[in-house]
PDB file of N, CA and C in Angstrom:
ATOM      1  N   LEU A   1     307.093  21.142 141.678  1.00  0.00           N
ATOM      2  CA  LEU A   1     305.635  20.847 141.825  1.00  0.00           C
ATOM      3  C   LEU A   1     305.198  20.959 143.211  1.00  0.00           C
ATOM      4  N   HIS A   2     305.982  20.570 144.092  1.00  0.00           N
ATOM      5  CA  HIS A   2     305.601  20.629 145.555  1.00  0.00           C
ATOM      6  C   HIS A   2     305.357  22.091 145.900  1.00  0.00           C
ATOM      7  N   ILE A   3     306.382  22.890 145.617  1.00  0.00           N
ATOM      8  CA  ILE A   3     306.239  24.337 145.988  1.00  0.00           C
ATOM      9  C   ILE A   3     304.970  24.940 145.344  1.00  0.00           C
ATOM     10  N   ALA A   4     304.707  24.689 144.111  1.00  0.00           N
ATOM     11  CA  ALA A   4     303.575  25.203 143.435  1.00  0.00           C
ATOM     12  C   ALA A   4     302.346  24.709 143.928  1.00  0.00           C
ATOM     13  N   SER A   5     302.213  23.509 144.426  1.00  0.00           N
ATOM     14  CA  SER A   5     300.910  22.972 144.910  1.00  0.00           C
ATOM     15  C   SER A   5     300.741  23.172 146.284  1.00  0.00           C
ATOM     16  N   VAL A   6     301.703  22.867 147.117  1.00  0.00           N
ATOM     17  CA  VAL A   6     301.677  22.986 148.622  1.00  0.00           C
ATOM     18  C   VAL A   6     301.906  24.412 149.074  1.00  0.00           C
ATOM     19  N   GLY A   7     302.941  25.052 148.433  1.00  0.00           N
ATOM     20  CA  GLY A   7     303.356  26.404 148.966  1.00  0.00           C
ATOM     21  C   GLY A   7     302.211  27.369 149.046  1.00  0.00           C
ATOM     22  N   LEU A   8     301.297  27.518 148.149  1.00  0.00           N
ATOM     23  CA  LEU A   8     300.140  28.357 148.302  1.00  0.00           C
ATOM     24  C   LEU A   8     299.373  27.978 149.474  1.00  0.00           C
ATOM     25  N   ASP A   9     299.100  26.752 149.710  1.00  0.00           N
ATOM     26  CA  ASP A   9     298.338  26.402 150.961  1.00  0.00           C
ATOM     27  C   ASP A   9     299.087  26.750 152.194  1.00  0.00           C
ATOM     28  N   ARG A  10     300.387  26.679 152.269  1.00  0.00           N
ATOM     29  CA  ARG A  10     301.065  27.078 153.417  1.00  0.00           C
ATOM     30  C   ARG A  10     301.051  28.580 153.603  1.00  0.00           C
ATOM     31  N   VAL A  11     301.122  29.332 152.522  1.00  0.00           N
ATOM     32  CA  VAL A  11     301.046  30.819 152.706  1.00  0.00           C
ATOM     33  C   VAL A  11     299.748  31.125 153.282  1.00  0.00           C
ATOM     34  N   LYS A  12     298.656  30.582 152.726  1.00  0.00           N
ATOM     35  CA  LYS A  12     297.290  30.914 153.353  1.00  0.00           C
ATOM     36  C   LYS A  12     297.094  30.427 154.769  1.00  0.00           C
ATOM     37  N   GLU A  13     297.826  29.328 155.104  1.00  0.00           N
ATOM     38  CA  GLU A  13     297.782  28.766 156.483  1.00  0.00           C
ATOM     39  C   GLU A  13     298.516  29.803 157.413  1.00  0.00           C
ATOM     40  N   ALA A  14     299.688  30.385 156.896  1.00  0.00           N
ATOM     41  CA  ALA A  14     300.229  31.335 157.713  1.00  0.00           C
ATOM     42  C   ALA A  14     299.437  32.528 157.890  1.00  0.00           C
ATOM     43  N   GLY A  15     298.699  32.941 156.882  1.00  0.00           N
ATOM     44  CA  GLY A  15     297.742  34.019 156.964  1.00  0.00           C
ATOM     45  C   GLY A  15     296.734  33.864 158.033  1.00  0.00           C
ATOM     46  N   ALA A  16     296.192  32.542 158.111  1.00  0.00           N
ATOM     47  CA  ALA A  16     295.131  32.365 159.071  1.00  0.00           C
ATOM     48  C   ALA A  16     295.584  32.018 160.503  1.00  0.00           C
ATOM     49  N   ARG A  17     296.738  31.357 160.578  1.00  0.00           N
ATOM     50  CA  ARG A  17     297.245  30.918 161.816  1.00  0.00           C
ATOM     51  C   ARG A  17     298.446  31.710 162.439  1.00  0.00           C
ATOM     52  N   GLY A  18     299.195  32.488 161.437  1.00  0.00           N
ATOM     53  CA  GLY A  18     300.278  33.274 161.859  1.00  0.00           C
ATOM     54  C   GLY A  18     301.567  32.598 161.635  1.00  0.00           C
ATOM     55  N   TYR A  19     301.599  31.196 161.241  1.00  0.00           N
ATOM     56  CA  TYR A  19     302.809  30.575 160.970  1.00  0.00           C
ATOM     57  C   TYR A  19     302.582  29.289 160.129  1.00  0.00           C
ATOM     58  N   ALA A  20     303.511  28.921 159.292  1.00  0.00           N
ATOM     59  CA  ALA A  20     303.440  27.771 158.543  1.00  0.00           C
ATOM     60  C   ALA A  20     304.816  27.406 157.932  1.00  0.00           C
ATOM     61  N   GLU A  21     305.041  26.106 157.647  1.00  0.00           N
ATOM     62  CA  GLU A  21     306.222  25.718 156.993  1.00  0.00           C
ATOM     63  C   GLU A  21     305.938  24.881 155.810  1.00  0.00           C
ATOM     64  N   CYS A  22     306.771  25.084 154.722  1.00  0.00           N
ATOM     65  CA  CYS A  22     306.622  24.314 153.488  1.00  0.00           C
ATOM     66  C   CYS A  22     307.903  23.537 153.325  1.00  0.00           C
ATOM     67  N   THR A  23     307.946  22.298 153.538  1.00  0.00           N
ATOM     68  CA  THR A  23     309.166  21.465 153.449  1.00  0.00           C
ATOM     69  C   THR A  23     309.086  20.569 152.256  1.00  0.00           C
ATOM     70  N   LEU A  24     310.179  20.519 151.462  1.00  0.00           N
ATOM     71  CA  LEU A  24     310.208  19.715 150.327  1.00  0.00           C
ATOM     72  C   LEU A  24     310.157  18.198 150.782  1.00  0.00           C
ATOM     73  N   PRO A  25     309.722  17.324 150.003  1.00  0.00           N
ATOM     74  CA  PRO A  25     309.744  15.852 150.378  1.00  0.00           C
ATOM     75  C   PRO A  25     311.222  15.446 150.632  1.00  0.00           C
ATOM     76  N   GLY A  26     311.385  14.761 151.582  1.00  0.00           N
ATOM     77  CA  GLY A  26     312.761  14.280 151.977  1.00  0.00           C
ATOM     78  C   GLY A  26     313.509  15.299 152.890  1.00  0.00           C
ATOM     79  N   GLY A  27     312.831  16.458 153.144  1.00  0.00           N
ATOM     80  CA  GLY A  27     313.411  17.401 153.958  1.00  0.00           C
ATOM     81  C   GLY A  27     314.589  18.184 153.494  1.00  0.00           C
ATOM     82  N   ALA A  28     314.657  18.167 152.100  1.00  0.00           N
ATOM     83  CA  ALA A  28     315.969  18.759 151.496  1.00  0.00           C
ATOM     84  C   ALA A  28     315.964  20.311 151.692  1.00  0.00           C
ATOM     85  N   ALA A  29     314.828  20.921 151.846  1.00  0.00           N
ATOM     86  CA  ALA A  29     314.747  22.410 152.036  1.00  0.00           C
ATOM     87  C   ALA A  29     313.386  22.763 152.518  1.00  0.00           C
ATOM     88  N   ASN A  30     313.316  23.990 153.017  1.00  0.00           N
ATOM     89  CA  ASN A  30     312.104  24.469 153.561  1.00  0.00           C
ATOM     90  C   ASN A  30     311.973  25.957 153.527  1.00  0.00           C
ATOM     91  N   LEU A  31     310.741  26.392 153.574  1.00  0.00           N
ATOM     92  CA  LEU A  31     310.415  27.796 153.606  1.00  0.00           C
ATOM     93  C   LEU A  31     309.539  27.986 154.909  1.00  0.00           C
ATOM     94  N   VAL A  32     309.823  28.900 155.763  1.00  0.00           N
ATOM     95  CA  VAL A  32     309.078  29.183 156.883  1.00  0.00           C
ATOM     96  C   VAL A  32     308.319  30.512 156.789  1.00  0.00           C
ATOM     97  N   PHE A  33     307.059  30.584 156.941  1.00  0.00           N
ATOM     98  CA  PHE A  33     306.210  31.712 156.786  1.00  0.00           C
ATOM     99  C   PHE A  33     305.670  32.159 158.165  1.00  0.00           C
ATOM    100  N   THR A  34     305.876  33.430 158.572  1.00  0.00           N
ATOM    101  CA  THR A  34     305.550  33.976 159.759  1.00  0.00           C
ATOM    102  C   THR A  34     304.788  35.326 159.516  1.00  0.00           C
ATOM    103  N   LYS A  35     303.521  35.394 159.827  1.00  0.00           N
ATOM    104  CA  LYS A  35     302.637  36.534 159.499  1.00  0.00           C
ATOM    105  C   LYS A  35     302.823  37.593 160.670  1.00  0.00           C
ATOM    106  N   ILE A  36     303.150  38.695 160.172  1.00  0.00           N
ATOM    107  CA  ILE A  36     303.198  39.913 161.262  1.00  0.00           C
ATOM    108  C   ILE A  36     302.378  41.020 160.677  1.00  0.00           C
ATOM    109  N   ASP A  37     301.264  41.254 161.285  1.00  0.00           N
ATOM    110  CA  ASP A  37     300.295  42.289 160.789  1.00  0.00           C
ATOM    111  C   ASP A  37     299.985  41.908 159.313  1.00  0.00           C
ATOM    112  N   GLU A  38     300.162  42.828 158.407  1.00  0.00           N
ATOM    113  CA  GLU A  38     299.843  42.596 157.014  1.00  0.00           C
ATOM    114  C   GLU A  38     300.995  42.125 156.143  1.00  0.00           C
ATOM    115  N   ASN A  39     302.058  41.782 156.871  1.00  0.00           N
ATOM    116  CA  ASN A  39     303.288  41.304 156.167  1.00  0.00           C
ATOM    117  C   ASN A  39     303.501  39.805 156.566  1.00  0.00           C
ATOM    118  N   VAL A  40     304.479  39.214 155.764  1.00  0.00           N
ATOM    119  CA  VAL A  40     304.939  37.809 156.089  1.00  0.00           C
ATOM    120  C   VAL A  40     306.451  37.809 156.043  1.00  0.00           C
ATOM    121  N   LEU A  41     307.034  37.207 157.042  1.00  0.00           N
ATOM    122  CA  LEU A  41     308.457  37.024 156.934  1.00  0.00           C
ATOM    123  C   LEU A  41     308.573  35.613 156.304  1.00  0.00           C
ATOM    124  N   VAL A  42     309.430  35.475 155.363  1.00  0.00           N
ATOM    125  CA  VAL A  42     309.672  34.323 154.673  1.00  0.00           C
ATOM    126  C   VAL A  42     311.210  33.941 154.894  1.00  0.00           C
ATOM    127  N   ARG A  43     311.402  32.724 155.533  1.00  0.00           N
ATOM    128  CA  ARG A  43     312.742  32.365 155.855  1.00  0.00           C
ATOM    129  C   ARG A  43     313.165  31.154 155.024  1.00  0.00           C
ATOM    130  N   SER A  44     314.233  31.160 154.289  1.00  0.00           N
ATOM    131  CA  SER A  44     314.648  30.058 153.518  1.00  0.00           C
ATOM    132  C   SER A  44     315.611  29.182 154.347  1.00  0.00           C
ATOM    133  N   GLY A  45     315.270  27.901 154.325  1.00  0.00           N
ATOM    134  CA  GLY A  45     316.131  27.004 155.048  1.00  0.00           C
ATOM    135  C   GLY A  45     317.426  26.599 154.194  1.00  0.00           C
ATOM    136  N   VAL A  46     317.375  26.998 153.022  1.00  0.00           N
ATOM    137  CA  VAL A  46     318.571  26.732 152.189  1.00  0.00           C
ATOM    138  C   VAL A  46     319.709  27.718 152.424  1.00  0.00           C
ATOM    139  N   ASN A  47     319.350  28.987 152.437  1.00  0.00           N
ATOM    140  CA  ASN A  47     320.480  29.993 152.526  1.00  0.00           C
ATOM    141  C   ASN A  47     320.363  30.791 153.859  1.00  0.00           C
ATOM    142  N   GLN A  48     319.401  30.379 154.791  1.00  0.00           N
ATOM    143  CA  GLN A  48     319.099  31.012 156.115  1.00  0.00           C
ATOM    144  C   GLN A  48     318.837  32.432 156.003  1.00  0.00           C
ATOM    145  N   ARG A  49     318.386  32.937 154.860  1.00  0.00           N
ATOM    146  CA  ARG A  49     317.883  34.313 154.702  1.00  0.00           C
ATOM    147  C   ARG A  49     316.380  34.461 154.943  1.00  0.00           C
ATOM    148  N   THR A  50     316.076  35.789 155.410  1.00  0.00           N
ATOM    149  CA  THR A  50     314.700  36.006 155.684  1.00  0.00           C
ATOM    150  C   THR A  50     314.422  37.369 154.967  1.00  0.00           C
ATOM    151  N   VAL A  51     313.229  37.321 154.362  1.00  0.00           N
ATOM    152  CA  VAL A  51     312.733  38.602 153.715  1.00  0.00           C
ATOM    153  C   VAL A  51     311.275  38.892 154.193  1.00  0.00           C
ATOM    154  N   GLN A  52     310.900  40.146 154.095  1.00  0.00           N
ATOM    155  CA  GLN A  52     309.589  40.499 154.567  1.00  0.00           C
ATOM    156  C   GLN A  52     308.815  40.920 153.303  1.00  0.00           C
ATOM    157  N   VAL A  53     307.573  40.501 153.062  1.00  0.00           N
ATOM    158  CA  VAL A  53     306.739  40.894 151.939  1.00  0.00           C
ATOM    159  C   VAL A  53     305.341  41.066 152.414  1.00  0.00           C
ATOM    160  N   ALA A  54     304.586  41.858 151.719  1.00  0.00           N
ATOM    161  CA  ALA A  54     303.119  41.992 151.967  1.00  0.00           C
ATOM    162  C   ALA A  54     302.410  40.721 151.685  1.00  0.00           C
ATOM    163  N   TYR A  55     301.576  40.336 152.699  1.00  0.00           N
ATOM    164  CA  TYR A  55     300.757  39.063 152.669  1.00  0.00           C
ATOM    165  C   TYR A  55     300.102  38.956 151.248  1.00  0.00           C
ATOM    166  N   ASN A  56     299.345  39.930 150.884  1.00  0.00           N
ATOM    167  CA  ASN A  56     298.584  39.824 149.636  1.00  0.00           C
ATOM    168  C   ASN A  56     299.579  39.692 148.407  1.00  0.00           C
ATOM    169  N   ASP A  57     300.670  40.306 148.438  1.00  0.00           N
ATOM    170  CA  ASP A  57     301.623  40.160 147.285  1.00  0.00           C
ATOM    171  C   ASP A  57     302.118  38.709 147.233  1.00  0.00           C
ATOM    172  N   LEU A  58     302.374  38.155 148.464  1.00  0.00           N
ATOM    173  CA  LEU A  58     302.938  36.758 148.467  1.00  0.00           C
ATOM    174  C   LEU A  58     301.854  35.851 147.995  1.00  0.00           C
ATOM    175  N   VAL A  59     300.647  35.997 148.414  1.00  0.00           N
ATOM    176  CA  VAL A  59     299.537  35.120 147.950  1.00  0.00           C
ATOM    177  C   VAL A  59     299.507  35.212 146.386  1.00  0.00           C
ATOM    178  N   ALA A  60     299.488  36.355 145.819  1.00  0.00           N
ATOM    179  CA  ALA A  60     299.317  36.582 144.418  1.00  0.00           C
ATOM    180  C   ALA A  60     300.519  36.025 143.786  1.00  0.00           C
ATOM    181  N   ALA A  61     301.720  36.105 144.236  1.00  0.00           N
ATOM    182  CA  ALA A  61     302.911  35.518 143.646  1.00  0.00           C
ATOM    183  C   ALA A  61     302.797  33.917 143.560  1.00  0.00           C
ATOM    184  N   PHE A  62     302.297  33.325 144.746  1.00  0.00           N
ATOM    185  CA  PHE A  62     302.176  31.884 144.737  1.00  0.00           C
ATOM    186  C   PHE A  62     301.024  31.396 143.838  1.00  0.00           C
ATOM    187  N   GLU A  63     300.024  32.179 143.811  1.00  0.00           N
ATOM    188  CA  GLU A  63     298.835  31.777 142.835  1.00  0.00           C
ATOM    189  C   GLU A  63     299.298  31.819 141.376  1.00  0.00           C
ATOM    190  N   GLY A  64     300.013  32.833 140.922  1.00  0.00           N
ATOM    191  CA  GLY A  64     300.529  32.976 139.706  1.00  0.00           C
ATOM    192  C   GLY A  64     301.486  31.800 139.362  1.00  0.00           C
ATOM    193  N   PHE A  65     302.411  31.477 140.315  1.00  0.00           N
ATOM    194  CA  PHE A  65     303.335  30.399 140.128  1.00  0.00           C
ATOM    195  C   PHE A  65     302.626  29.127 139.954  1.00  0.00           C
ATOM    196  N   ALA A  66     301.548  28.864 140.810  1.00  0.00           N
ATOM    197  CA  ALA A  66     300.802  27.631 140.642  1.00  0.00           C
ATOM    198  C   ALA A  66     300.135  27.480 139.297  1.00  0.00           C
ATOM    199  N   VAL A  67     299.561  28.517 138.831  1.00  0.00           N
ATOM    200  CA  VAL A  67     298.906  28.536 137.496  1.00  0.00           C
ATOM    201  C   VAL A  67     299.942  28.307 136.363  1.00  0.00           C
ATOM    202  N   GLN A  68     301.017  28.921 136.440  1.00  0.00           N
ATOM    203  CA  GLN A  68     302.088  28.738 135.456  1.00  0.00           C
ATOM    204  C   GLN A  68     302.659  27.264 135.448  1.00  0.00           C
ATOM    205  N   THR A  69     302.853  26.754 136.618  1.00  0.00           N
ATOM    206  CA  THR A  69     303.419  25.414 136.915  1.00  0.00           C
ATOM    207  C   THR A  69     302.428  24.426 136.299  1.00  0.00           C
ATOM    208  N   ARG A  70     301.159  24.586 136.706  1.00  0.00           N
ATOM    209  CA  ARG A  70     300.075  23.622 136.245  1.00  0.00           C
ATOM    210  C   ARG A  70     299.961  23.653 134.754  1.00  0.00           C
ATOM    211  N   THR A  71     299.919  24.800 134.083  1.00  0.00           N
ATOM    212  CA  THR A  71     299.801  24.915 132.705  1.00  0.00           C
ATOM    213  C   THR A  71     300.911  24.330 131.881  1.00  0.00           C
ATOM    214  N   VAL A  72     302.188  24.591 132.324  1.00  0.00           N
ATOM    215  CA  VAL A  72     303.330  24.076 131.572  1.00  0.00           C
ATOM    216  C   VAL A  72     303.477  22.525 131.717  1.00  0.00           C
ATOM    217  N   LEU A  73     303.181  22.025 132.895  1.00  0.00           N
ATOM    218  CA  LEU A  73     303.285  20.629 133.035  1.00  0.00           C
ATOM    219  C   LEU A  73     302.122  19.768 132.384  1.00  0.00           C
ATOM    220  N   VAL A  74     301.008  20.401 132.352  1.00  0.00           N
ATOM    221  CA  VAL A  74     299.771  19.650 131.776  1.00  0.00           C
ATOM    222  C   VAL A  74     300.037  19.659 130.206  1.00  0.00           C
ATOM    223  N   GLN A  75     300.519  20.781 129.707  1.00  0.00           N
ATOM    224  CA  GLN A  75     300.801  20.796 128.285  1.00  0.00           C
ATOM    225  C   GLN A  75     301.851  19.811 127.874  1.00  0.00           C
ATOM    226  N   ALA A  76     302.863  19.666 128.723  1.00  0.00           N
ATOM    227  CA  ALA A  76     304.043  18.794 128.383  1.00  0.00           C
ATOM    228  C   ALA A  76     303.639  17.245 128.641  1.00  0.00           C
ATOM    229  N   ALA A  77     302.721  17.065 129.663  1.00  0.00           N
ATOM    230  CA  ALA A  77     302.317  15.661 129.984  1.00  0.00           C
ATOM    231  C   ALA A  77     300.849  15.716 130.365  1.00  0.00           C
ATOM    232  N   PRO A  78     299.953  15.715 129.431  1.00  0.00           N
ATOM    233  CA  PRO A  78     298.435  15.714 129.823  1.00  0.00           C
ATOM    234  C   PRO A  78     297.966  14.694 130.631  1.00  0.00           C
ATOM    235  N   GLU A  79     298.687  13.573 130.710  1.00  0.00           N
ATOM    236  CA  GLU A  79     298.369  12.394 131.501  1.00  0.00           C
ATOM    237  C   GLU A  79     298.360  12.733 132.992  1.00  0.00           C
ATOM    238  N   LEU A  80     299.072  13.740 133.331  1.00  0.00           N
ATOM    239  CA  LEU A  80     299.220  14.269 134.720  1.00  0.00           C
ATOM    240  C   LEU A  80     297.876  14.527 135.385  1.00  0.00           C
ATOM    241  N   ALA A  81     296.922  14.947 134.579  1.00  0.00           N
ATOM    242  CA  ALA A  81     295.488  15.324 135.031  1.00  0.00           C
ATOM    243  C   ALA A  81     294.734  14.031 135.437  1.00  0.00           C
ATOM    244  N   GLU A  82     295.238  12.896 135.127  1.00  0.00           N
ATOM    245  CA  GLU A  82     294.722  11.601 135.545  1.00  0.00           C
ATOM    246  C   GLU A  82     295.402  10.935 136.598  1.00  0.00           C
ATOM    247  N   HIS A  83     296.556  11.464 137.116  1.00  0.00           N
ATOM    248  CA  HIS A  83     297.317  10.892 138.122  1.00  0.00           C
ATOM    249  C   HIS A  83     296.528  10.738 139.388  1.00  0.00           C
ATOM    250  N   PRO A  84     296.658   9.481 140.053  1.00  0.00           N
ATOM    251  CA  PRO A  84     295.738   9.289 141.228  1.00  0.00           C
ATOM    252  C   PRO A  84     295.965  10.258 142.428  1.00  0.00           C
ATOM    253  N   VAL A  85     297.097  10.802 142.581  1.00  0.00           N
ATOM    254  CA  VAL A  85     297.380  11.681 143.714  1.00  0.00           C
ATOM    255  C   VAL A  85     297.356  13.159 143.237  1.00  0.00           C
ATOM    256  N   TRP A  86     298.163  13.415 142.136  1.00  0.00           N
ATOM    257  CA  TRP A  86     298.278  14.820 141.769  1.00  0.00           C
ATOM    258  C   TRP A  86     297.146  15.273 140.746  1.00  0.00           C
ATOM    259  N   GLY A  87     296.257  14.336 140.170  1.00  0.00           N
ATOM    260  CA  GLY A  87     295.219  14.737 139.288  1.00  0.00           C
ATOM    261  C   GLY A  87     294.371  15.774 139.723  1.00  0.00           C
ATOM    262  N   PRO A  88     293.813  15.749 140.807  1.00  0.00           N
ATOM    263  CA  PRO A  88     292.897  16.860 141.268  1.00  0.00           C
ATOM    264  C   PRO A  88     293.517  18.161 141.191  1.00  0.00           C
ATOM    265  N   TRP A  89     294.799  18.274 141.552  1.00  0.00           N
ATOM    266  CA  TRP A  89     295.476  19.626 141.503  1.00  0.00           C
ATOM    267  C   TRP A  89     295.708  19.960 140.097  1.00  0.00           C
ATOM    268  N   PHE A  90     296.078  19.073 139.193  1.00  0.00           N
ATOM    269  CA  PHE A  90     296.227  19.445 137.833  1.00  0.00           C
ATOM    270  C   PHE A  90     294.914  19.783 137.168  1.00  0.00           C
ATOM    271  N   ARG A  91     293.880  19.257 137.655  1.00  0.00           N
ATOM    272  CA  ARG A  91     292.609  19.634 136.927  1.00  0.00           C
ATOM    273  C   ARG A  91     292.040  20.889 137.707  1.00  0.00           C
ATOM    274  N   GLY A  92     292.701  21.476 138.659  1.00  0.00           N
ATOM    275  CA  GLY A  92     292.257  22.661 139.208  1.00  0.00           C
ATOM    276  C   GLY A  92     291.225  22.501 140.306  1.00  0.00           C
ATOM    277  N   GLU A  93     291.036  21.299 140.781  1.00  0.00           N
ATOM    278  CA  GLU A  93     290.059  21.034 141.848  1.00  0.00           C
ATOM    279  C   GLU A  93     290.448  21.156 143.266  1.00  0.00           C
ATOM    280  N   GLU A  94     291.782  21.464 143.413  1.00  0.00           N
ATOM    281  CA  GLU A  94     292.261  21.617 144.777  1.00  0.00           C
ATOM    282  C   GLU A  94     292.836  23.000 144.870  1.00  0.00           C
TER     283      GLU A  94
END
């Protein structure tokens, strides 16, 4: 859920600022995004690997993942749309 909701924001932040990190709650793992021209380097804190991908492709991938995650979770647990913290995201307001 965290990667689906926060990950897209961090990718867009990297697009605007050149750098962003997405860290899982508790610091268990992270992704580091570094924008270089029209590409983004994505570094995994889990396996220490780095890949390069086109910025627009990365945004599209995260957007699709967010939509799929939202759809599956709301179908399984519709009450998530009323959650005090996550509700706006599940309703598509964020």
